[in-house]
Amino acid sequence: MEKLIITAALTGAEVTRELQPSLPVSPDEIAEAAFDCYKAGASIVHVHARDENGNPTQSFDIYKEIKEKIQAKCNVIFQPSTGGAVWHTPDERLQPVELKPEMATLSCGTCNFGSEVFMNTEEYIEKFAYRMKELGVKPELEIFERGMIDNAMKLVKKGFLKEPLHFDFVLGVPGACPATPEDLMHMIRFIPKGSTWTIAGIGRHELPLSVMGIILGGHVRVGFEDNIYYEKGRLATSNAQLVERIARIAREMGREVATPDEARDILGIGR
């Protein structure tokens, strides 16, 4: 079985300091959290930027600062979000891709997101995929519903994506696909042979689905974007604490954790 790639989703666009006092917000805090997660076993850091007031932003300049600060500390894979917040325009959301990161997320369809709608039309999706291809950025295909896998395969047929693909199943978002073991198994059945995948379970689903990911040969995403608790009623002290737990469980189960360079090889980054 391949070594386990752990992604740390450090901040997100929804969580606030009121909910999680240890949330990293400034570029310095995000870079320090990334370094701590790298030391704990993460090989990818998934980044949402925040402005000087702590609000979600897709600013090129802020992402650039975060990227440079992280790279000065370690060689973890920097993966900016092109999802941003639901109110960002497509052009705003695409800005971090101009930094030519090794990876970036590519959301593959529209879904309800709590009380709001996360809009991803076919035009948006193709535009994002085309620009990533132009710049040599590896897309992580974010899947919130089963039909989004079909949308991703349309991109392959049209030449916007090349295989092997890497999927991120984000399960448990209110309004989108639930986060049961059956839902994860259903998703896995429909991706092309040779693809890699990561599971991101939201809230209380993070830990059980992460363990499933380890067992089934997938990869795992944890962090404050998805879950702010270590256990019921007890806030996690840091993103790194959540990474450490997954790394420990994986090793106890006989699955080694990938370094950033090993993750690059598994994902075909740079090929």
C-alpha atoms as a PDB file:
ATOM      1  CA  MET A   1       0.000   0.000   0.000  1.00  0.00           C
ATOM      2  CA  GLU A   2       1.237   3.501  -0.797  1.00  0.00           C
ATOM      3  CA  LYS A   3       2.457   5.687   2.000  1.00  0.00           C
ATOM      4  CA  LEU A   4      -0.212   7.944   3.471  1.00  0.00           C
ATOM      5  CA  ILE A   5      -0.418  11.563   2.329  1.00  0.00           C
ATOM      6  CA  ILE A   6      -1.753  13.802   5.098  1.00  0.00           C
ATOM      7  CA  THR A   7      -3.155  17.196   4.128  1.00  0.00           C
ATOM      8  CA  ALA A   8      -3.620  19.877   6.756  1.00  0.00           C
ATOM      9  CA  ALA A   9      -6.478  22.288   5.970  1.00  0.00           C
ATOM     10  CA  LEU A  10      -5.322  25.083   8.204  1.00  0.00           C
ATOM     11  CA  THR A  11      -7.941  27.839   8.260  1.00  0.00           C
ATOM     12  CA  GLY A  12     -10.820  27.610   5.786  1.00  0.00           C
ATOM     13  CA  ALA A  13     -13.223  30.431   5.017  1.00  0.00           C
ATOM     14  CA  GLU A  14     -15.893  29.808   7.652  1.00  0.00           C
ATOM     15  CA  VAL A  15     -14.164  29.267  11.008  1.00  0.00           C
ATOM     16  CA  THR A  16     -13.581  32.263  13.271  1.00  0.00           C
ATOM     17  CA  ARG A  17     -11.407  32.922  16.313  1.00  0.00           C
ATOM     18  CA  GLU A  18     -14.589  33.016  18.377  1.00  0.00           C
ATOM     19  CA  LEU A  19     -15.184  29.372  17.462  1.00  0.00           C
ATOM     20  CA  GLN A  20     -11.544  28.252  17.578  1.00  0.00           C
ATOM     21  CA  PRO A  21      -9.155  30.545  19.489  1.00  0.00           C
ATOM     22  CA  SER A  22      -6.104  28.776  17.994  1.00  0.00           C
ATOM     23  CA  LEU A  23      -7.136  29.467  14.393  1.00  0.00           C
ATOM     24  CA  PRO A  24      -4.169  30.795  12.346  1.00  0.00           C
ATOM     25  CA  VAL A  25      -5.184  33.952  10.491  1.00  0.00           C
ATOM     26  CA  SER A  26      -2.202  36.146   9.584  1.00  0.00           C
ATOM     27  CA  PRO A  27       0.400  35.027   7.018  1.00  0.00           C
ATOM     28  CA  ASP A  28       2.917  34.505   9.828  1.00  0.00           C
ATOM     29  CA  GLU A  29       0.464  32.411  11.838  1.00  0.00           C
ATOM     30  CA  ILE A  30      -0.534  30.339   8.809  1.00  0.00           C
ATOM     31  CA  ALA A  31       3.119  29.732   7.907  1.00  0.00           C
ATOM     32  CA  GLU A  32       3.926  28.686  11.484  1.00  0.00           C
ATOM     33  CA  ALA A  33       0.915  26.347  11.545  1.00  0.00           C
ATOM     34  CA  ALA A  34       2.050  24.869   8.223  1.00  0.00           C
ATOM     35  CA  PHE A  35       5.532  24.237   9.634  1.00  0.00           C
ATOM     36  CA  ASP A  36       4.107  22.598  12.768  1.00  0.00           C
ATOM     37  CA  CYS A  37       1.898  20.347  10.619  1.00  0.00           C
ATOM     38  CA  TYR A  38       4.864  19.451   8.417  1.00  0.00           C
ATOM     39  CA  LYS A  39       6.808  18.383  11.509  1.00  0.00           C
ATOM     40  CA  ALA A  40       3.785  16.354  12.645  1.00  0.00           C
ATOM     41  CA  GLY A  41       3.569  14.448   9.350  1.00  0.00           C
ATOM     42  CA  ALA A  42       1.644  16.555   6.836  1.00  0.00           C
ATOM     43  CA  SER A  43       3.032  16.691   3.309  1.00  0.00           C
ATOM     44  CA  ILE A  44       0.384  19.091   1.923  1.00  0.00           C
ATOM     45  CA  VAL A  45      -1.040  22.257   3.455  1.00  0.00           C
ATOM     46  CA  HIS A  46      -4.362  23.466   2.092  1.00  0.00           C
ATOM     47  CA  VAL A  47      -4.550  27.232   2.496  1.00  0.00           C
ATOM     48  CA  HIS A  48      -7.336  29.811   2.601  1.00  0.00           C
ATOM     49  CA  ALA A  49      -5.967  33.319   3.050  1.00  0.00           C
ATOM     50  CA  ARG A  50      -7.400  35.937   5.421  1.00  0.00           C
ATOM     51  CA  ASP A  51      -7.048  39.721   5.211  1.00  0.00           C
ATOM     52  CA  GLU A  52      -5.813  42.052   7.963  1.00  0.00           C
ATOM     53  CA  ASN A  53      -9.276  41.941   9.559  1.00  0.00           C
ATOM     54  CA  GLY A  54      -9.398  38.149   9.542  1.00  0.00           C
ATOM     55  CA  ASN A  55     -11.892  37.938   6.679  1.00  0.00           C
ATOM     56  CA  PRO A  56     -11.537  35.437   3.826  1.00  0.00           C
ATOM     57  CA  THR A  57      -9.667  36.836   0.833  1.00  0.00           C
ATOM     58  CA  GLN A  58      -8.374  35.514  -2.474  1.00  0.00           C
ATOM     59  CA  SER A  59      -5.799  38.292  -2.771  1.00  0.00           C
ATOM     60  CA  PHE A  60      -2.834  37.336  -4.939  1.00  0.00           C
ATOM     61  CA  ASP A  61      -0.499  39.375  -2.760  1.00  0.00           C
ATOM     62  CA  ILE A  62      -1.575  37.758   0.508  1.00  0.00           C
ATOM     63  CA  TYR A  63      -1.342  34.254  -0.933  1.00  0.00           C
ATOM     64  CA  LYS A  64       2.088  35.144  -2.289  1.00  0.00           C
ATOM     65  CA  GLU A  65       3.228  36.236   1.160  1.00  0.00           C
ATOM     66  CA  ILE A  66       1.885  33.048   2.743  1.00  0.00           C
ATOM     67  CA  LYS A  67       3.499  30.846   0.090  1.00  0.00           C
ATOM     68  CA  GLU A  68       6.897  32.509   0.506  1.00  0.00           C
ATOM     69  CA  LYS A  69       6.764  32.313   4.299  1.00  0.00           C
ATOM     70  CA  ILE A  70       5.875  28.614   4.202  1.00  0.00           C
ATOM     71  CA  GLN A  71       8.581  27.826   1.669  1.00  0.00           C
ATOM     72  CA  ALA A  72      11.153  29.574   3.849  1.00  0.00           C
ATOM     73  CA  LYS A  73      10.355  27.107   6.643  1.00  0.00           C
ATOM     74  CA  CYS A  74       9.937  23.741   4.885  1.00  0.00           C
ATOM     75  CA  ASN A  75       9.304  21.971   1.566  1.00  0.00           C
ATOM     76  CA  VAL A  76       5.686  21.011   2.287  1.00  0.00           C
ATOM     77  CA  ILE A  77       3.375  21.159  -0.760  1.00  0.00           C
ATOM     78  CA  PHE A  78       1.519  24.491  -0.781  1.00  0.00           C
ATOM     79  CA  GLN A  79      -2.049  24.021  -2.023  1.00  0.00           C
ATOM     80  CA  PRO A  80      -4.137  27.215  -2.222  1.00  0.00           C
ATOM     81  CA  SER A  81      -7.904  27.126  -2.428  1.00  0.00           C
ATOM     82  CA  THR A  82      -9.722  28.282  -5.545  1.00  0.00           C
ATOM     83  CA  GLY A  83     -13.003  27.836  -3.690  1.00  0.00           C
ATOM     84  CA  GLY A  84     -12.484  30.865  -1.508  1.00  0.00           C
ATOM     85  CA  ALA A  85     -15.704  31.931   0.166  1.00  0.00           C
ATOM     86  CA  VAL A  86     -19.092  31.547  -1.503  1.00  0.00           C
ATOM     87  CA  TRP A  87     -19.295  35.293  -2.250  1.00  0.00           C
ATOM     88  CA  HIS A  88     -15.985  35.538  -4.147  1.00  0.00           C
ATOM     89  CA  THR A  89     -16.195  35.955  -7.920  1.00  0.00           C
ATOM     90  CA  PRO A  90     -14.590  33.367 -10.218  1.00  0.00           C
ATOM     91  CA  ASP A  91     -11.813  35.805 -11.149  1.00  0.00           C
ATOM     92  CA  GLU A  92     -11.069  36.450  -7.467  1.00  0.00           C
ATOM     93  CA  ARG A  93     -11.061  32.747  -6.713  1.00  0.00           C
ATOM     94  CA  LEU A  94      -8.588  32.016  -9.497  1.00  0.00           C
ATOM     95  CA  GLN A  95      -5.963  34.540  -8.364  1.00  0.00           C
ATOM     96  CA  PRO A  96      -3.785  32.162  -6.275  1.00  0.00           C
ATOM     97  CA  VAL A  97      -3.270  29.910  -9.313  1.00  0.00           C
ATOM     98  CA  GLU A  98      -1.208  32.702 -10.894  1.00  0.00           C
ATOM     99  CA  LEU A  99       1.450  31.951  -8.268  1.00  0.00           C
ATOM    100  CA  LYS A 100       2.025  28.629 -10.078  1.00  0.00           C
ATOM    101  CA  PRO A 101       1.713  26.497  -6.940  1.00  0.00           C
ATOM    102  CA  GLU A 102       2.410  22.786  -7.276  1.00  0.00           C
ATOM    103  CA  MET A 103      -1.252  22.035  -6.530  1.00  0.00           C
ATOM    104  CA  ALA A 104      -4.547  23.890  -6.206  1.00  0.00           C
ATOM    105  CA  THR A 105      -8.085  22.774  -5.526  1.00  0.00           C
ATOM    106  CA  LEU A 106     -10.630  22.560  -8.346  1.00  0.00           C
ATOM    107  CA  SER A 107     -14.249  22.281  -7.224  1.00  0.00           C
ATOM    108  CA  CYS A 108     -16.182  20.177  -9.723  1.00  0.00           C
ATOM    109  CA  GLY A 109     -19.757  21.319  -9.318  1.00  0.00           C
ATOM    110  CA  THR A 110     -22.377  23.438  -7.593  1.00  0.00           C
ATOM    111  CA  CYS A 111     -23.886  22.427  -4.258  1.00  0.00           C
ATOM    112  CA  ASN A 112     -25.703  23.800  -1.245  1.00  0.00           C
ATOM    113  CA  PHE A 113     -23.249  24.926   1.425  1.00  0.00           C
ATOM    114  CA  GLY A 114     -25.185  25.339   4.644  1.00  0.00           C
ATOM    115  CA  SER A 115     -27.672  28.135   4.004  1.00  0.00           C
ATOM    116  CA  GLU A 116     -25.765  29.351   0.935  1.00  0.00           C
ATOM    117  CA  VAL A 117     -24.898  28.025  -2.523  1.00  0.00           C
ATOM    118  CA  PHE A 118     -21.363  27.202  -3.647  1.00  0.00           C
ATOM    119  CA  MET A 119     -21.596  28.059  -7.340  1.00  0.00           C
ATOM    120  CA  ASN A 120     -19.432  26.260  -9.897  1.00  0.00           C
ATOM    121  CA  THR A 121     -20.883  26.383 -13.389  1.00  0.00           C
ATOM    122  CA  GLU A 122     -19.454  24.337 -16.235  1.00  0.00           C
ATOM    123  CA  GLU A 123     -17.925  27.553 -17.597  1.00  0.00           C
ATOM    124  CA  TYR A 124     -16.146  28.264 -14.277  1.00  0.00           C
ATOM    125  CA  ILE A 125     -14.881  24.716 -13.928  1.00  0.00           C
ATOM    126  CA  GLU A 126     -13.452  24.634 -17.445  1.00  0.00           C
ATOM    127  CA  LYS A 127     -11.849  28.049 -17.020  1.00  0.00           C
ATOM    128  CA  PHE A 128     -10.135  26.988 -13.796  1.00  0.00           C
ATOM    129  CA  ALA A 129      -8.995  23.644 -15.225  1.00  0.00           C
ATOM    130  CA  TYR A 130      -7.631  25.268 -18.389  1.00  0.00           C
ATOM    131  CA  ARG A 131      -5.616  27.838 -16.451  1.00  0.00           C
ATOM    132  CA  MET A 132      -4.180  25.182 -14.130  1.00  0.00           C
ATOM    133  CA  LYS A 133      -3.146  23.134 -17.136  1.00  0.00           C
ATOM    134  CA  GLU A 134      -1.506  26.173 -18.750  1.00  0.00           C
ATOM    135  CA  LEU A 135       0.508  26.904 -15.617  1.00  0.00           C
ATOM    136  CA  GLY A 136       1.409  23.296 -14.786  1.00  0.00           C
ATOM    137  CA  VAL A 137      -0.612  23.210 -11.548  1.00  0.00           C
ATOM    138  CA  LYS A 138      -1.833  19.781 -10.349  1.00  0.00           C
ATOM    139  CA  PRO A 139      -5.581  20.016  -9.604  1.00  0.00           C
ATOM    140  CA  GLU A 140      -7.046  18.386  -6.532  1.00  0.00           C
ATOM    141  CA  LEU A 141     -10.591  17.656  -7.703  1.00  0.00           C
ATOM    142  CA  GLU A 142     -12.954  18.566  -4.890  1.00  0.00           C
ATOM    143  CA  ILE A 143     -16.018  16.343  -4.880  1.00  0.00           C
ATOM    144  CA  PHE A 144     -19.013  17.269  -2.723  1.00  0.00           C
ATOM    145  CA  GLU A 145     -21.585  15.140  -4.596  1.00  0.00           C
ATOM    146  CA  ARG A 146     -21.448  12.006  -6.771  1.00  0.00           C
ATOM    147  CA  GLY A 147     -22.256  13.890  -9.999  1.00  0.00           C
ATOM    148  CA  MET A 148     -19.108  15.965  -9.621  1.00  0.00           C
ATOM    149  CA  ILE A 149     -17.035  12.894 -10.532  1.00  0.00           C
ATOM    150  CA  ASP A 150     -18.824  12.854 -13.889  1.00  0.00           C
ATOM    151  CA  ASN A 151     -18.080  16.568 -14.286  1.00  0.00           C
ATOM    152  CA  ALA A 152     -14.392  15.834 -13.718  1.00  0.00           C
ATOM    153  CA  MET A 153     -14.436  13.091 -16.348  1.00  0.00           C
ATOM    154  CA  LYS A 154     -15.960  15.542 -18.852  1.00  0.00           C
ATOM    155  CA  LEU A 155     -12.895  17.711 -18.292  1.00  0.00           C
ATOM    156  CA  VAL A 156     -10.689  14.742 -19.183  1.00  0.00           C
ATOM    157  CA  LYS A 157     -12.637  14.100 -22.393  1.00  0.00           C
ATOM    158  CA  LYS A 158     -12.351  17.759 -23.385  1.00  0.00           C
ATOM    159  CA  GLY A 159      -8.609  17.785 -22.737  1.00  0.00           C
ATOM    160  CA  PHE A 160      -8.648  20.099 -19.708  1.00  0.00           C
ATOM    161  CA  LEU A 161      -7.331  17.387 -17.369  1.00  0.00           C
ATOM    162  CA  LYS A 162      -4.934  14.524 -17.837  1.00  0.00           C
ATOM    163  CA  GLU A 163      -4.900  11.278 -15.917  1.00  0.00           C
ATOM    164  CA  PRO A 164      -4.014  10.067 -13.355  1.00  0.00           C
ATOM    165  CA  LEU A 165      -6.398  12.244 -11.391  1.00  0.00           C
ATOM    166  CA  HIS A 166      -6.435  13.115  -7.713  1.00  0.00           C
ATOM    167  CA  PHE A 167      -9.799  13.462  -5.985  1.00  0.00           C
ATOM    168  CA  ASP A 168     -10.710  14.977  -2.632  1.00  0.00           C
ATOM    169  CA  PHE A 169     -14.025  13.688  -1.273  1.00  0.00           C
ATOM    170  CA  VAL A 170     -15.410  16.399   1.011  1.00  0.00           C
ATOM    171  CA  LEU A 171     -18.214  14.654   2.875  1.00  0.00           C
ATOM    172  CA  GLY A 172     -20.540  15.984   5.543  1.00  0.00           C
ATOM    173  CA  VAL A 173     -20.965  19.595   4.367  1.00  0.00           C
ATOM    174  CA  PRO A 174     -24.519  20.607   5.388  1.00  0.00           C
ATOM    175  CA  GLY A 175     -26.587  20.523   2.198  1.00  0.00           C
ATOM    176  CA  ALA A 176     -24.205  18.277   0.237  1.00  0.00           C
ATOM    177  CA  CYS A 177     -23.331  14.572   0.409  1.00  0.00           C
ATOM    178  CA  PRO A 178     -23.517  13.029   3.899  1.00  0.00           C
ATOM    179  CA  ALA A 179     -20.450  11.478   5.509  1.00  0.00           C
ATOM    180  CA  THR A 180     -21.315   7.835   6.067  1.00  0.00           C
ATOM    181  CA  PRO A 181     -18.974   4.931   5.285  1.00  0.00           C
ATOM    182  CA  GLU A 182     -21.395   3.928   2.547  1.00  0.00           C
ATOM    183  CA  ASP A 183     -21.115   7.357   0.920  1.00  0.00           C
ATOM    184  CA  LEU A 184     -17.325   7.141   0.837  1.00  0.00           C
ATOM    185  CA  MET A 185     -17.386   3.621  -0.632  1.00  0.00           C
ATOM    186  CA  HIS A 186     -19.875   4.800  -3.260  1.00  0.00           C
ATOM    187  CA  MET A 187     -17.575   7.644  -4.323  1.00  0.00           C
ATOM    188  CA  ILE A 188     -14.518   5.412  -4.563  1.00  0.00           C
ATOM    189  CA  ARG A 189     -16.308   2.990  -6.904  1.00  0.00           C
ATOM    190  CA  PHE A 190     -16.762   5.622  -9.609  1.00  0.00           C
ATOM    191  CA  ILE A 191     -13.297   7.145  -9.970  1.00  0.00           C
ATOM    192  CA  PRO A 192     -11.003   5.902 -12.755  1.00  0.00           C
ATOM    193  CA  LYS A 193      -8.529   3.129 -12.105  1.00  0.00           C
ATOM    194  CA  GLY A 194      -5.121   4.563 -11.220  1.00  0.00           C
ATOM    195  CA  SER A 195      -6.564   7.660  -9.529  1.00  0.00           C
ATOM    196  CA  THR A 196      -5.583   8.727  -6.034  1.00  0.00           C
ATOM    197  CA  TRP A 197      -8.003  10.105  -3.494  1.00  0.00           C
ATOM    198  CA  THR A 198      -8.203  11.928  -0.184  1.00  0.00           C
ATOM    199  CA  ILE A 199     -11.054  11.928   2.309  1.00  0.00           C
ATOM    200  CA  ALA A 200     -12.031  15.107   4.165  1.00  0.00           C
ATOM    201  CA  GLY A 201     -14.737  14.339   6.721  1.00  0.00           C
ATOM    202  CA  ILE A 202     -16.468  17.392   8.153  1.00  0.00           C
ATOM    203  CA  GLY A 203     -16.917  17.869  11.903  1.00  0.00           C
ATOM    204  CA  ARG A 204     -17.394  14.691  13.918  1.00  0.00           C
ATOM    205  CA  HIS A 205     -16.979  12.638  10.753  1.00  0.00           C
ATOM    206  CA  GLU A 206     -13.331  13.600  10.350  1.00  0.00           C
ATOM    207  CA  LEU A 207     -11.801  10.877  12.507  1.00  0.00           C
ATOM    208  CA  PRO A 208     -13.867   7.810  11.489  1.00  0.00           C
ATOM    209  CA  LEU A 209     -13.602   8.597   7.784  1.00  0.00           C
ATOM    210  CA  SER A 210      -9.885   9.304   8.161  1.00  0.00           C
ATOM    211  CA  VAL A 211      -9.414   5.831   9.609  1.00  0.00           C
ATOM    212  CA  MET A 212     -11.375   4.409   6.659  1.00  0.00           C
ATOM    213  CA  GLY A 213      -9.095   6.318   4.309  1.00  0.00           C
ATOM    214  CA  ILE A 214      -6.035   4.793   5.943  1.00  0.00           C
ATOM    215  CA  ILE A 215      -7.464   1.267   5.719  1.00  0.00           C
ATOM    216  CA  LEU A 216      -8.684   1.571   2.125  1.00  0.00           C
ATOM    217  CA  GLY A 217      -5.442   2.955   0.697  1.00  0.00           C
ATOM    218  CA  GLY A 218      -6.625   6.518   0.253  1.00  0.00           C
ATOM    219  CA  HIS A 219      -5.197   9.650   1.795  1.00  0.00           C
ATOM    220  CA  VAL A 220      -6.467  11.921   4.572  1.00  0.00           C
ATOM    221  CA  ARG A 221      -7.217  15.603   5.154  1.00  0.00           C
ATOM    222  CA  VAL A 222      -7.640  17.034   8.637  1.00  0.00           C
ATOM    223  CA  GLY A 223      -7.513  20.521  10.124  1.00  0.00           C
ATOM    224  CA  PHE A 224      -9.504  23.457  11.409  1.00  0.00           C
ATOM    225  CA  GLU A 225     -11.206  24.111   8.072  1.00  0.00           C
ATOM    226  CA  ASP A 226     -13.060  20.830   8.490  1.00  0.00           C
ATOM    227  CA  ASN A 227     -13.148  20.240  12.231  1.00  0.00           C
ATOM    228  CA  ILE A 228     -12.167  22.322  15.262  1.00  0.00           C
ATOM    229  CA  TYR A 229     -12.514  19.582  17.896  1.00  0.00           C
ATOM    230  CA  TYR A 230     -10.132  16.882  19.086  1.00  0.00           C
ATOM    231  CA  GLU A 231     -12.988  14.963  20.651  1.00  0.00           C
ATOM    232  CA  LYS A 232     -16.590  15.731  21.578  1.00  0.00           C
ATOM    233  CA  GLY A 233     -16.693  18.914  23.637  1.00  0.00           C
ATOM    234  CA  ARG A 234     -12.920  19.424  23.563  1.00  0.00           C
ATOM    235  CA  LEU A 235     -11.369  21.873  21.121  1.00  0.00           C
ATOM    236  CA  ALA A 236      -8.164  20.858  19.397  1.00  0.00           C
ATOM    237  CA  THR A 237      -5.167  22.902  20.495  1.00  0.00           C
ATOM    238  CA  SER A 238      -3.706  23.182  16.986  1.00  0.00           C
ATOM    239  CA  ASN A 239      -3.908  21.852  13.443  1.00  0.00           C
ATOM    240  CA  ALA A 240      -0.737  19.910  14.206  1.00  0.00           C
ATOM    241  CA  GLN A 241      -2.492  18.025  17.014  1.00  0.00           C
ATOM    242  CA  LEU A 242      -5.004  16.680  14.473  1.00  0.00           C
ATOM    243  CA  VAL A 243      -2.201  15.733  12.067  1.00  0.00           C
ATOM    244  CA  GLU A 244      -0.217  13.998  14.817  1.00  0.00           C
ATOM    245  CA  ARG A 245      -3.183  11.790  15.679  1.00  0.00           C
ATOM    246  CA  ILE A 246      -3.636  10.596  12.095  1.00  0.00           C
ATOM    247  CA  ALA A 247       0.096   9.980  11.679  1.00  0.00           C
ATOM    248  CA  ARG A 248       0.150   7.935  14.893  1.00  0.00           C
ATOM    249  CA  ILE A 249      -2.926   5.882  13.965  1.00  0.00           C
ATOM    250  CA  ALA A 250      -1.545   5.200  10.491  1.00  0.00           C
ATOM    251  CA  ARG A 251       1.793   3.983  11.845  1.00  0.00           C
ATOM    252  CA  GLU A 252       0.107   1.832  14.466  1.00  0.00           C
ATOM    253  CA  MET A 253      -1.878   0.244  11.650  1.00  0.00           C
ATOM    254  CA  GLY A 254       1.306  -0.442   9.685  1.00  0.00           C
ATOM    255  CA  ARG A 255       0.981   2.313   7.112  1.00  0.00           C
ATOM    256  CA  GLU A 256       3.876   4.719   6.831  1.00  0.00           C
ATOM    257  CA  VAL A 257       3.384   8.460   6.340  1.00  0.00           C
ATOM    258  CA  ALA A 258       4.669  10.120   3.165  1.00  0.00           C
ATOM    259  CA  THR A 259       7.177  12.943   3.168  1.00  0.00           C
ATOM    260  CA  PRO A 260       6.452  15.896   0.854  1.00  0.00           C
ATOM    261  CA  ASP A 261       8.807  14.495  -1.801  1.00  0.00           C
ATOM    262  CA  GLU A 262       7.197  11.065  -1.541  1.00  0.00           C
ATOM    263  CA  ALA A 263       3.787  12.723  -1.886  1.00  0.00           C
ATOM    264  CA  ARG A 264       4.984  14.508  -5.021  1.00  0.00           C
ATOM    265  CA  ASP A 265       5.976  11.163  -6.491  1.00  0.00           C
ATOM    266  CA  ILE A 266       2.676   9.489  -5.550  1.00  0.00           C
ATOM    267  CA  LEU A 267       0.647  12.351  -7.058  1.00  0.00           C
ATOM    268  CA  GLY A 268       2.817  12.759 -10.135  1.00  0.00           C
ATOM    269  CA  ILE A 269       3.541  16.392  -9.385  1.00  0.00           C
ATOM    270  CA  GLY A 270       6.018  17.865 -11.807  1.00  0.00           C
ATOM    271  CA  ARG A 271       5.585  15.151 -14.428  1.00  0.00           C
END
